[in-house]
Amino acid sequence: MMRHRWLPGTVEGFVKCNNCGLEVRKYMLKRGGLGPCEPDKWKIEAHVEGETALIVCPACKKLVINAIVCVYCGHQLRSLDFGGEK
């Protein structure tokens, strides 16, 4: 079994394995529990390219997580099939 070779990720706060392509948040390295490094095994998307983690809710104008509904006011930010099959 190979060990992961961590390099800086494509987004700040992430690291990416040079061998298998697994990309995780930096804090996950300290927590452990990551499986062995096997190329083409990991199909995890740590983030969506072009999407930001935080957006401004159009109803309450607060900075919220980019989700289906606003955590503060409940305003629907995305359609219910957000992230589903295209």
PDB file of N, CA and C in Angstrom:
ATOM      1  N   MET A   1       0.833  -1.187   0.000  1.00  0.00           N
ATOM      2  CA  MET A   1       0.000   0.000   0.000  1.00  0.00           C
ATOM      3  C   MET A   1       0.873   1.245   0.000  1.00  0.00           C
ATOM      4  N   MET A   2       0.462   2.182  -0.797  1.00  0.00           N
ATOM      5  CA  MET A   2       1.183   3.446  -0.868  1.00  0.00           C
ATOM      6  C   MET A   2       0.592   4.432   0.135  1.00  0.00           C
ATOM      7  N   ARG A   3       1.407   5.393   0.531  1.00  0.00           N
ATOM      8  CA  ARG A   3       0.927   6.487   1.379  1.00  0.00           C
ATOM      9  C   ARG A   3       0.629   7.685   0.495  1.00  0.00           C
ATOM     10  N   HIS A   4      -0.286   8.510   0.939  1.00  0.00           N
ATOM     11  CA  HIS A   4      -0.620   9.725   0.200  1.00  0.00           C
ATOM     12  C   HIS A   4       0.570  10.680   0.202  1.00  0.00           C
ATOM     13  N   ARG A   5       0.770  11.380  -0.909  1.00  0.00           N
ATOM     14  CA  ARG A   5       1.779  12.440  -1.018  1.00  0.00           C
ATOM     15  C   ARG A   5       1.032  13.745  -1.170  1.00  0.00           C
ATOM     16  N   TRP A   6       0.880  14.491  -0.073  1.00  0.00           N
ATOM     17  CA  TRP A   6       0.049  15.682  -0.044  1.00  0.00           C
ATOM     18  C   TRP A   6       0.769  16.897  -0.605  1.00  0.00           C
ATOM     19  N   LEU A   7       0.100  17.587  -1.493  1.00  0.00           N
ATOM     20  CA  LEU A   7       0.559  18.844  -2.085  1.00  0.00           C
ATOM     21  C   LEU A   7      -0.556  19.872  -1.884  1.00  0.00           C
ATOM     22  N   PRO A   8      -0.257  21.158  -2.047  1.00  0.00           N
ATOM     23  CA  PRO A   8      -1.329  22.162  -1.937  1.00  0.00           C
ATOM     24  C   PRO A   8      -2.457  21.863  -2.915  1.00  0.00           C
ATOM     25  N   GLY A   9      -3.679  22.068  -2.472  1.00  0.00           N
ATOM     26  CA  GLY A   9      -4.848  21.804  -3.301  1.00  0.00           C
ATOM     27  C   GLY A   9      -5.130  22.931  -4.272  1.00  0.00           C
ATOM     28  N   THR A  10      -6.214  22.772  -5.021  1.00  0.00           N
ATOM     29  CA  THR A  10      -6.597  23.779  -6.012  1.00  0.00           C
ATOM     30  C   THR A  10      -7.336  24.948  -5.382  1.00  0.00           C
ATOM     31  N   VAL A  11      -7.804  24.764  -4.148  1.00  0.00           N
ATOM     32  CA  VAL A  11      -8.530  25.805  -3.418  1.00  0.00           C
ATOM     33  C   VAL A  11      -7.867  25.972  -2.062  1.00  0.00           C
ATOM     34  N   GLU A  12      -7.851  27.197  -1.544  1.00  0.00           N
ATOM     35  CA  GLU A  12      -7.230  27.465  -0.252  1.00  0.00           C
ATOM     36  C   GLU A  12      -7.901  26.629   0.835  1.00  0.00           C
ATOM     37  N   GLY A  13      -7.089  26.017   1.686  1.00  0.00           N
ATOM     38  CA  GLY A  13      -7.615  25.192   2.769  1.00  0.00           C
ATOM     39  C   GLY A  13      -7.710  23.722   2.423  1.00  0.00           C
ATOM     40  N   PHE A  14      -7.391  23.351   1.201  1.00  0.00           N
ATOM     41  CA  PHE A  14      -7.441  21.963   0.756  1.00  0.00           C
ATOM     42  C   PHE A  14      -6.039  21.467   0.426  1.00  0.00           C
ATOM     43  N   VAL A  15      -5.850  20.159   0.517  1.00  0.00           N
ATOM     44  CA  VAL A  15      -4.620  19.509   0.048  1.00  0.00           C
ATOM     45  C   VAL A  15      -5.032  18.399  -0.909  1.00  0.00           C
ATOM     46  N   LYS A  16      -4.133  18.059  -1.829  1.00  0.00           N
ATOM     47  CA  LYS A  16      -4.442  17.061  -2.845  1.00  0.00           C
ATOM     48  C   LYS A  16      -3.321  16.039  -2.907  1.00  0.00           C
ATOM     49  N   CYS A  17      -3.679  14.770  -2.970  1.00  0.00           N
ATOM     50  CA  CYS A  17      -2.683  13.707  -3.082  1.00  0.00           C
ATOM     51  C   CYS A  17      -2.143  13.683  -4.507  1.00  0.00           C
ATOM     52  N   ASN A  18      -0.833  13.710  -4.634  1.00  0.00           N
ATOM     53  CA  ASN A  18      -0.192  13.698  -5.940  1.00  0.00           C
ATOM     54  C   ASN A  18      -0.341  12.340  -6.624  1.00  0.00           C
ATOM     55  N   ASN A  19      -0.540  11.280  -5.862  1.00  0.00           N
ATOM     56  CA  ASN A  19      -0.637   9.938  -6.435  1.00  0.00           C
ATOM     57  C   ASN A  19      -2.043   9.585  -6.919  1.00  0.00           C
ATOM     58  N   CYS A  20      -3.034   9.735  -6.019  1.00  0.00           N
ATOM     59  CA  CYS A  20      -4.380   9.246  -6.350  1.00  0.00           C
ATOM     60  C   CYS A  20      -5.380  10.346  -6.694  1.00  0.00           C
ATOM     61  N   GLY A  21      -5.048  11.609  -6.399  1.00  0.00           N
ATOM     62  CA  GLY A  21      -5.936  12.708  -6.754  1.00  0.00           C
ATOM     63  C   GLY A  21      -6.974  13.062  -5.705  1.00  0.00           C
ATOM     64  N   LEU A  22      -6.984  12.362  -4.561  1.00  0.00           N
ATOM     65  CA  LEU A  22      -7.917  12.678  -3.489  1.00  0.00           C
ATOM     66  C   LEU A  22      -7.647  14.083  -2.979  1.00  0.00           C
ATOM     67  N   GLU A  23      -8.706  14.901  -2.867  1.00  0.00           N
ATOM     68  CA  GLU A  23      -8.554  16.273  -2.386  1.00  0.00           C
ATOM     69  C   GLU A  23      -9.447  16.453  -1.162  1.00  0.00           C
ATOM     70  N   VAL A  24      -8.838  16.824  -0.023  1.00  0.00           N
ATOM     71  CA  VAL A  24      -9.562  16.970   1.236  1.00  0.00           C
ATOM     72  C   VAL A  24      -9.122  18.249   1.930  1.00  0.00           C
ATOM     73  N   ARG A  25      -9.908  18.662   2.925  1.00  0.00           N
ATOM     74  CA  ARG A  25      -9.525  19.823   3.736  1.00  0.00           C
ATOM     75  C   ARG A  25      -8.316  19.459   4.588  1.00  0.00           C
ATOM     76  N   LYS A  26      -7.483  20.463   4.880  1.00  0.00           N
ATOM     77  CA  LYS A  26      -6.248  20.238   5.634  1.00  0.00           C
ATOM     78  C   LYS A  26      -6.494  19.583   6.988  1.00  0.00           C
ATOM     79  N   TYR A  27      -7.571  19.970   7.679  1.00  0.00           N
ATOM     80  CA  TYR A  27      -7.798  19.436   9.017  1.00  0.00           C
ATOM     81  C   TYR A  27      -8.041  17.926   9.008  1.00  0.00           C
ATOM     82  N   MET A  28      -8.459  17.370   7.860  1.00  0.00           N
ATOM     83  CA  MET A  28      -8.701  15.929   7.784  1.00  0.00           C
ATOM     84  C   MET A  28      -7.416  15.126   7.959  1.00  0.00           C
ATOM     85  N   LEU A  29      -6.257  15.724   7.652  1.00  0.00           N
ATOM     86  CA  LEU A  29      -4.993  15.016   7.814  1.00  0.00           C
ATOM     87  C   LEU A  29      -4.722  14.734   9.279  1.00  0.00           C
ATOM     88  N   LYS A  30      -5.062  15.676  10.148  1.00  0.00           N
ATOM     89  CA  LYS A  30      -4.832  15.505  11.581  1.00  0.00           C
ATOM     90  C   LYS A  30      -5.830  14.537  12.193  1.00  0.00           C
ATOM     91  N   ARG A  31      -7.025  14.485  11.655  1.00  0.00           N
ATOM     92  CA  ARG A  31      -8.057  13.598  12.189  1.00  0.00           C
ATOM     93  C   ARG A  31      -7.779  12.146  11.826  1.00  0.00           C
ATOM     94  N   GLY A  32      -7.084  11.934  10.712  1.00  0.00           N
ATOM     95  CA  GLY A  32      -6.808  10.564  10.277  1.00  0.00           C
ATOM     96  C   GLY A  32      -8.038   9.907   9.675  1.00  0.00           C
ATOM     97  N   GLY A  33      -7.978   8.599   9.537  1.00  0.00           N
ATOM     98  CA  GLY A  33      -9.119   7.868   9.006  1.00  0.00           C
ATOM     99  C   GLY A  33      -9.208   7.848   7.496  1.00  0.00           C
ATOM    100  N   LEU A  34      -8.227   8.424   6.813  1.00  0.00           N
ATOM    101  CA  LEU A  34      -8.236   8.372   5.357  1.00  0.00           C
ATOM    102  C   LEU A  34      -7.717   7.015   4.902  1.00  0.00           C
ATOM    103  N   GLY A  35      -8.338   6.477   3.895  1.00  0.00           N
ATOM    104  CA  GLY A  35      -7.948   5.163   3.401  1.00  0.00           C
ATOM    105  C   GLY A  35      -6.610   5.189   2.689  1.00  0.00           C
ATOM    106  N   PRO A  36      -6.169   4.033   2.231  1.00  0.00           N
ATOM    107  CA  PRO A  36      -4.884   3.952   1.537  1.00  0.00           C
ATOM    108  C   PRO A  36      -4.916   4.681   0.194  1.00  0.00           C
ATOM    109  N   CYS A  37      -3.743   5.012  -0.275  1.00  0.00           N
ATOM    110  CA  CYS A  37      -3.609   5.722  -1.543  1.00  0.00           C
ATOM    111  C   CYS A  37      -3.675   4.713  -2.684  1.00  0.00           C
ATOM    112  N   GLU A  38      -4.777   4.730  -3.407  1.00  0.00           N
ATOM    113  CA  GLU A  38      -4.952   3.857  -4.559  1.00  0.00           C
ATOM    114  C   GLU A  38      -5.470   4.704  -5.713  1.00  0.00           C
ATOM    115  N   PRO A  39      -4.681   4.843  -6.784  1.00  0.00           N
ATOM    116  CA  PRO A  39      -5.131   5.650  -7.925  1.00  0.00           C
ATOM    117  C   PRO A  39      -6.482   5.176  -8.453  1.00  0.00           C
ATOM    118  N   ASP A  40      -7.327   6.116  -8.821  1.00  0.00           N
ATOM    119  CA  ASP A  40      -8.670   5.888  -9.379  1.00  0.00           C
ATOM    120  C   ASP A  40      -9.659   5.278  -8.388  1.00  0.00           C
ATOM    121  N   LYS A  41      -9.288   5.165  -7.104  1.00  0.00           N
ATOM    122  CA  LYS A  41     -10.231   4.653  -6.106  1.00  0.00           C
ATOM    123  C   LYS A  41     -11.157   5.755  -5.619  1.00  0.00           C
ATOM    124  N   TRP A  42     -10.605   6.937  -5.405  1.00  0.00           N
ATOM    125  CA  TRP A  42     -11.357   8.021  -4.790  1.00  0.00           C
ATOM    126  C   TRP A  42     -12.105   8.822  -5.832  1.00  0.00           C
ATOM    127  N   LYS A  43     -13.392   8.906  -5.669  1.00  0.00           N
ATOM    128  CA  LYS A  43     -14.247   9.678  -6.572  1.00  0.00           C
ATOM    129  C   LYS A  43     -14.925  10.800  -5.801  1.00  0.00           C
ATOM    130  N   ILE A  44     -14.225  11.350  -4.811  1.00  0.00           N
ATOM    131  CA  ILE A  44     -14.782  12.387  -3.957  1.00  0.00           C
ATOM    132  C   ILE A  44     -14.504  13.756  -4.555  1.00  0.00           C
ATOM    133  N   GLU A  45     -15.547  14.573  -4.661  1.00  0.00           N
ATOM    134  CA  GLU A  45     -15.367  15.957  -5.083  1.00  0.00           C
ATOM    135  C   GLU A  45     -15.401  16.820  -3.846  1.00  0.00           C
ATOM    136  N   ALA A  46     -14.290  17.450  -3.526  1.00  0.00           N
ATOM    137  CA  ALA A  46     -14.216  18.274  -2.327  1.00  0.00           C
ATOM    138  C   ALA A  46     -14.957  19.592  -2.517  1.00  0.00           C
ATOM    139  N   HIS A  47     -15.040  20.051  -3.732  1.00  0.00           N
ATOM    140  CA  HIS A  47     -15.707  21.311  -4.029  1.00  0.00           C
ATOM    141  C   HIS A  47     -16.120  21.298  -5.485  1.00  0.00           C
ATOM    142  N   VAL A  48     -17.019  22.176  -5.839  1.00  0.00           N
ATOM    143  CA  VAL A  48     -17.478  22.290  -7.220  1.00  0.00           C
ATOM    144  C   VAL A  48     -16.748  23.455  -7.859  1.00  0.00           C
ATOM    145  N   GLU A  49     -16.123  23.216  -8.985  1.00  0.00           N
ATOM    146  CA  GLU A  49     -15.368  24.259  -9.675  1.00  0.00           C
ATOM    147  C   GLU A  49     -16.292  25.390 -10.086  1.00  0.00           C
ATOM    148  N   GLY A  50     -15.900  26.598  -9.794  1.00  0.00           N
ATOM    149  CA  GLY A  50     -16.688  27.765 -10.168  1.00  0.00           C
ATOM    150  C   GLY A  50     -17.743  28.156  -9.154  1.00  0.00           C
ATOM    151  N   GLU A  51     -18.008  27.330  -8.168  1.00  0.00           N
ATOM    152  CA  GLU A  51     -18.977  27.635  -7.119  1.00  0.00           C
ATOM    153  C   GLU A  51     -18.234  28.161  -5.901  1.00  0.00           C
ATOM    154  N   THR A  52     -18.826  29.080  -5.194  1.00  0.00           N
ATOM    155  CA  THR A  52     -18.231  29.574  -3.967  1.00  0.00           C
ATOM    156  C   THR A  52     -18.951  28.953  -2.780  1.00  0.00           C
ATOM    157  N   ALA A  53     -18.271  28.852  -1.653  1.00  0.00           N
ATOM    158  CA  ALA A  53     -18.850  28.241  -0.461  1.00  0.00           C
ATOM    159  C   ALA A  53     -19.866  29.164   0.197  1.00  0.00           C
ATOM    160  N   LEU A  54     -19.689  30.469   0.072  1.00  0.00           N
ATOM    161  CA  LEU A  54     -20.595  31.427   0.698  1.00  0.00           C
ATOM    162  C   LEU A  54     -21.189  32.358  -0.351  1.00  0.00           C
ATOM    163  N   ILE A  55     -22.467  32.687  -0.168  1.00  0.00           N
ATOM    164  CA  ILE A  55     -23.141  33.633  -1.054  1.00  0.00           C
ATOM    165  C   ILE A  55     -23.956  34.597  -0.198  1.00  0.00           C
ATOM    166  N   VAL A  56     -24.449  35.663  -0.784  1.00  0.00           N
ATOM    167  CA  VAL A  56     -25.306  36.615  -0.078  1.00  0.00           C
ATOM    168  C   VAL A  56     -26.757  36.250  -0.375  1.00  0.00           C
ATOM    169  N   CYS A  57     -27.529  36.068   0.690  1.00  0.00           N
ATOM    170  CA  CYS A  57     -28.954  35.762   0.536  1.00  0.00           C
ATOM    171  C   CYS A  57     -29.667  37.004  -0.003  1.00  0.00           C
ATOM    172  N   PRO A  58     -30.444  36.869  -1.081  1.00  0.00           N
ATOM    173  CA  PRO A  58     -31.137  38.035  -1.631  1.00  0.00           C
ATOM    174  C   PRO A  58     -32.247  38.555  -0.730  1.00  0.00           C
ATOM    175  N   ALA A  59     -32.771  37.746   0.173  1.00  0.00           N
ATOM    176  CA  ALA A  59     -33.864  38.180   1.048  1.00  0.00           C
ATOM    177  C   ALA A  59     -33.356  38.916   2.284  1.00  0.00           C
ATOM    178  N   CYS A  60     -32.425  38.297   3.045  1.00  0.00           N
ATOM    179  CA  CYS A  60     -31.983  38.914   4.303  1.00  0.00           C
ATOM    180  C   CYS A  60     -30.625  39.611   4.187  1.00  0.00           C
ATOM    181  N   LYS A  61     -29.968  39.467   3.027  1.00  0.00           N
ATOM    182  CA  LYS A  61     -28.691  40.131   2.734  1.00  0.00           C
ATOM    183  C   LYS A  61     -27.537  39.673   3.639  1.00  0.00           C
ATOM    184  N   LYS A  62     -27.642  38.488   4.243  1.00  0.00           N
ATOM    185  CA  LYS A  62     -26.561  37.949   5.075  1.00  0.00           C
ATOM    186  C   LYS A  62     -25.724  36.982   4.270  1.00  0.00           C
ATOM    187  N   LEU A  63     -24.465  36.830   4.657  1.00  0.00           N
ATOM    188  CA  LEU A  63     -23.550  35.888   4.017  1.00  0.00           C
ATOM    189  C   LEU A  63     -23.853  34.499   4.555  1.00  0.00           C
ATOM    190  N   VAL A  64     -24.271  33.596   3.674  1.00  0.00           N
ATOM    191  CA  VAL A  64     -24.703  32.256   4.088  1.00  0.00           C
ATOM    192  C   VAL A  64     -24.014  31.186   3.250  1.00  0.00           C
ATOM    193  N   ILE A  65     -24.116  29.951   3.713  1.00  0.00           N
ATOM    194  CA  ILE A  65     -23.579  28.803   2.981  1.00  0.00           C
ATOM    195  C   ILE A  65     -24.370  28.629   1.693  1.00  0.00           C
ATOM    196  N   ASN A  66     -23.681  28.300   0.619  1.00  0.00           N
ATOM    197  CA  ASN A  66     -24.303  28.096  -0.689  1.00  0.00           C
ATOM    198  C   ASN A  66     -25.088  26.778  -0.658  1.00  0.00           C
ATOM    199  N   ALA A  67     -26.339  26.848  -0.230  1.00  0.00           N
ATOM    200  CA  ALA A  67     -27.181  25.668  -0.072  1.00  0.00           C
ATOM    201  C   ALA A  67     -28.521  25.900  -0.754  1.00  0.00           C
ATOM    202  N   ILE A  68     -29.479  25.022  -0.474  1.00  0.00           N
ATOM    203  CA  ILE A  68     -30.791  25.140  -1.088  1.00  0.00           C
ATOM    204  C   ILE A  68     -31.596  26.258  -0.437  1.00  0.00           C
ATOM    205  N   VAL A  69     -31.515  26.366   0.903  1.00  0.00           N
ATOM    206  CA  VAL A  69     -32.247  27.421   1.604  1.00  0.00           C
ATOM    207  C   VAL A  69     -31.297  28.202   2.508  1.00  0.00           C
ATOM    208  N   CYS A  70     -31.669  29.436   2.811  1.00  0.00           N
ATOM    209  CA  CYS A  70     -30.892  30.290   3.713  1.00  0.00           C
ATOM    210  C   CYS A  70     -31.065  29.794   5.142  1.00  0.00           C
ATOM    211  N   VAL A  71     -29.959  29.690   5.884  1.00  0.00           N
ATOM    212  CA  VAL A  71     -30.031  29.200   7.262  1.00  0.00           C
ATOM    213  C   VAL A  71     -30.600  30.246   8.213  1.00  0.00           C
ATOM    214  N   TYR A  72     -30.642  31.500   7.812  1.00  0.00           N
ATOM    215  CA  TYR A  72     -31.163  32.555   8.672  1.00  0.00           C
ATOM    216  C   TYR A  72     -32.656  32.794   8.469  1.00  0.00           C
ATOM    217  N   CYS A  73     -33.069  32.989   7.224  1.00  0.00           N
ATOM    218  CA  CYS A  73     -34.465  33.373   6.976  1.00  0.00           C
ATOM    219  C   CYS A  73     -35.295  32.298   6.275  1.00  0.00           C
ATOM    220  N   GLY A  74     -34.668  31.238   5.773  1.00  0.00           N
ATOM    221  CA  GLY A  74     -35.406  30.167   5.110  1.00  0.00           C
ATOM    222  C   GLY A  74     -35.737  30.426   3.655  1.00  0.00           C
ATOM    223  N   HIS A  75     -35.239  31.522   3.101  1.00  0.00           N
ATOM    224  CA  HIS A  75     -35.491  31.841   1.688  1.00  0.00           C
ATOM    225  C   HIS A  75     -34.859  30.768   0.806  1.00  0.00           C
ATOM    226  N   GLN A  76     -35.591  30.310  -0.225  1.00  0.00           N
ATOM    227  CA  GLN A  76     -35.069  29.276  -1.116  1.00  0.00           C
ATOM    228  C   GLN A  76     -34.046  29.891  -2.064  1.00  0.00           C
ATOM    229  N   LEU A  77     -32.797  29.414  -1.978  1.00  0.00           N
ATOM    230  CA  LEU A  77     -31.702  29.938  -2.789  1.00  0.00           C
ATOM    231  C   LEU A  77     -31.506  29.156  -4.085  1.00  0.00           C
ATOM    232  N   ARG A  78     -31.826  27.882  -4.059  1.00  0.00           N
ATOM    233  CA  ARG A  78     -31.651  26.996  -5.216  1.00  0.00           C
ATOM    234  C   ARG A  78     -32.913  26.176  -5.431  1.00  0.00           C
ATOM    235  N   SER A  79     -33.016  25.591  -6.618  1.00  0.00           N
ATOM    236  CA  SER A  79     -34.140  24.676  -6.862  1.00  0.00           C
ATOM    237  C   SER A  79     -33.912  23.397  -6.056  1.00  0.00           C
ATOM    238  N   LEU A  80     -34.949  22.632  -5.837  1.00  0.00           N
ATOM    239  CA  LEU A  80     -34.833  21.443  -5.012  1.00  0.00           C
ATOM    240  C   LEU A  80     -33.992  20.347  -5.652  1.00  0.00           C
ATOM    241  N   ASP A  81     -33.770  20.406  -6.953  1.00  0.00           N
ATOM    242  CA  ASP A  81     -32.937  19.404  -7.619  1.00  0.00           C
ATOM    243  C   ASP A  81     -31.487  19.878  -7.745  1.00  0.00           C
ATOM    244  N   PHE A  82     -31.080  20.885  -6.952  1.00  0.00           N
ATOM    245  CA  PHE A  82     -29.716  21.417  -6.977  1.00  0.00           C
ATOM    246  C   PHE A  82     -28.722  20.291  -6.733  1.00  0.00           C
ATOM    247  N   GLY A  83     -27.758  20.153  -7.621  1.00  0.00           N
ATOM    248  CA  GLY A  83     -26.725  19.134  -7.482  1.00  0.00           C
ATOM    249  C   GLY A  83     -27.165  17.775  -7.971  1.00  0.00           C
ATOM    250  N   GLY A  84     -28.360  17.671  -8.513  1.00  0.00           N
ATOM    251  CA  GLY A  84     -28.860  16.384  -8.997  1.00  0.00           C
ATOM    252  C   GLY A  84     -28.333  16.068 -10.380  1.00  0.00           C
ATOM    253  N   GLU A  85     -28.807  14.997 -10.925  1.00  0.00           N
ATOM    254  CA  GLU A  85     -28.403  14.563 -12.264  1.00  0.00           C
ATOM    255  C   GLU A  85     -28.869  15.572 -13.301  1.00  0.00           C
ATOM    256  N   LYS A  86     -28.056  15.756 -14.322  1.00  0.00           N
ATOM    257  CA  LYS A  86     -28.375  16.723 -15.372  1.00  0.00           C
ATOM    258  C   LYS A  86     -28.906  16.033 -16.589  1.00  0.00           C
TER     259      LYS A  86
END
